[in-house]
Amino acid sequence: MQIVRGLIYFLLLTAGVCFALYAATGDLRYKRWGLITLKWTVLAGLGFFGVLIVERMM
């Protein structure tokens, strides 16, 4: 559980750095990478909590 939580924090930090680089440089490449990273972070979080919910139901 700690590994998944650490991974989600790392992905959120990575997305934040990408958005900060986009704000500093205006390069659309960083915005795209930030959105992709944020999307996968949300999907990983939903999957993780989905597994926890299913585990509690059993």
C-alpha atoms as a PDB file:
ATOM      1  CA  MET A   1       0.000   0.000   0.000  1.00  0.00           C
ATOM      2  CA  GLN A   2       2.874   2.363   0.779  1.00  0.00           C
ATOM      3  CA  ILE A   3       4.437   1.672  -2.603  1.00  0.00           C
ATOM      4  CA  VAL A   4       1.255   2.580  -4.474  1.00  0.00           C
ATOM      5  CA  ARG A   5       0.776   5.711  -2.372  1.00  0.00           C
ATOM      6  CA  GLY A   6       4.373   6.724  -3.038  1.00  0.00           C
ATOM      7  CA  LEU A   7       3.920   6.094  -6.753  1.00  0.00           C
ATOM      8  CA  ILE A   8       0.807   8.275  -6.871  1.00  0.00           C
ATOM      9  CA  TYR A   9       2.609  11.096  -5.020  1.00  0.00           C
ATOM     10  CA  PHE A  10       5.539  10.790  -7.417  1.00  0.00           C
ATOM     11  CA  LEU A  11       3.254  10.976 -10.447  1.00  0.00           C
ATOM     12  CA  LEU A  12       1.478  14.034  -9.019  1.00  0.00           C
ATOM     13  CA  LEU A  13       4.835  15.698  -8.392  1.00  0.00           C
ATOM     14  CA  THR A  14       5.916  14.882 -11.954  1.00  0.00           C
ATOM     15  CA  ALA A  15       2.722  16.403 -13.369  1.00  0.00           C
ATOM     16  CA  GLY A  16       3.262  19.505 -11.233  1.00  0.00           C
ATOM     17  CA  VAL A  17       6.820  19.888 -12.505  1.00  0.00           C
ATOM     18  CA  CYS A  18       5.607  19.538 -16.097  1.00  0.00           C
ATOM     19  CA  PHE A  19       2.978  22.232 -15.574  1.00  0.00           C
ATOM     20  CA  ALA A  20       5.561  24.509 -13.917  1.00  0.00           C
ATOM     21  CA  LEU A  21       7.879  24.027 -16.880  1.00  0.00           C
ATOM     22  CA  TYR A  22       5.001  24.850 -19.217  1.00  0.00           C
ATOM     23  CA  ALA A  23       4.245  28.018 -17.258  1.00  0.00           C
ATOM     24  CA  ALA A  24       7.911  29.040 -17.302  1.00  0.00           C
ATOM     25  CA  THR A  25       8.683  28.255 -20.944  1.00  0.00           C
ATOM     26  CA  GLY A  26       5.329  28.239 -22.751  1.00  0.00           C
ATOM     27  CA  ASP A  27       6.340  25.045 -24.567  1.00  0.00           C
ATOM     28  CA  LEU A  28       3.206  22.984 -25.308  1.00  0.00           C
ATOM     29  CA  ARG A  29       5.183  19.758 -25.001  1.00  0.00           C
ATOM     30  CA  TYR A  30       5.312  20.166 -21.189  1.00  0.00           C
ATOM     31  CA  LYS A  31       1.571  20.824 -20.986  1.00  0.00           C
ATOM     32  CA  ARG A  32       0.862  17.664 -22.984  1.00  0.00           C
ATOM     33  CA  TRP A  33       3.175  15.553 -20.793  1.00  0.00           C
ATOM     34  CA  GLY A  34       1.613  17.041 -17.660  1.00  0.00           C
ATOM     35  CA  LEU A  35      -1.901  16.173 -18.810  1.00  0.00           C
ATOM     36  CA  ILE A  36      -0.881  12.652 -19.798  1.00  0.00           C
ATOM     37  CA  THR A  37       0.818  12.105 -16.443  1.00  0.00           C
ATOM     38  CA  LEU A  38      -2.169  13.526 -14.557  1.00  0.00           C
ATOM     39  CA  LYS A  39      -4.555  11.280 -16.509  1.00  0.00           C
ATOM     40  CA  TRP A  40      -2.576   8.142 -15.659  1.00  0.00           C
ATOM     41  CA  THR A  41      -2.288   9.232 -12.031  1.00  0.00           C
ATOM     42  CA  VAL A  42      -6.063   9.546 -11.736  1.00  0.00           C
ATOM     43  CA  LEU A  43      -6.569   6.176 -13.442  1.00  0.00           C
ATOM     44  CA  ALA A  44      -4.025   4.512 -11.146  1.00  0.00           C
ATOM     45  CA  GLY A  45      -5.718   6.019  -8.092  1.00  0.00           C
ATOM     46  CA  LEU A  46      -9.162   4.883  -9.224  1.00  0.00           C
ATOM     47  CA  GLY A  47      -7.856   1.405  -9.915  1.00  0.00           C
ATOM     48  CA  PHE A  48      -6.167   1.237  -6.515  1.00  0.00           C
ATOM     49  CA  PHE A  49      -9.274   2.338  -4.643  1.00  0.00           C
ATOM     50  CA  GLY A  50     -11.412   0.042  -6.768  1.00  0.00           C
ATOM     51  CA  VAL A  51      -9.308  -2.915  -5.670  1.00  0.00           C
ATOM     52  CA  LEU A  52      -9.621  -1.821  -2.033  1.00  0.00           C
ATOM     53  CA  ILE A  53     -13.400  -1.562  -2.326  1.00  0.00           C
ATOM     54  CA  VAL A  54     -13.714  -4.981  -3.966  1.00  0.00           C
ATOM     55  CA  GLU A  55     -11.414  -6.453  -1.319  1.00  0.00           C
ATOM     56  CA  ARG A  56     -13.615  -5.064   1.470  1.00  0.00           C
ATOM     57  CA  MET A  57     -16.743  -6.486  -0.159  1.00  0.00           C
ATOM     58  CA  MET A  58     -15.378 -10.026  -0.217  1.00  0.00           C
END
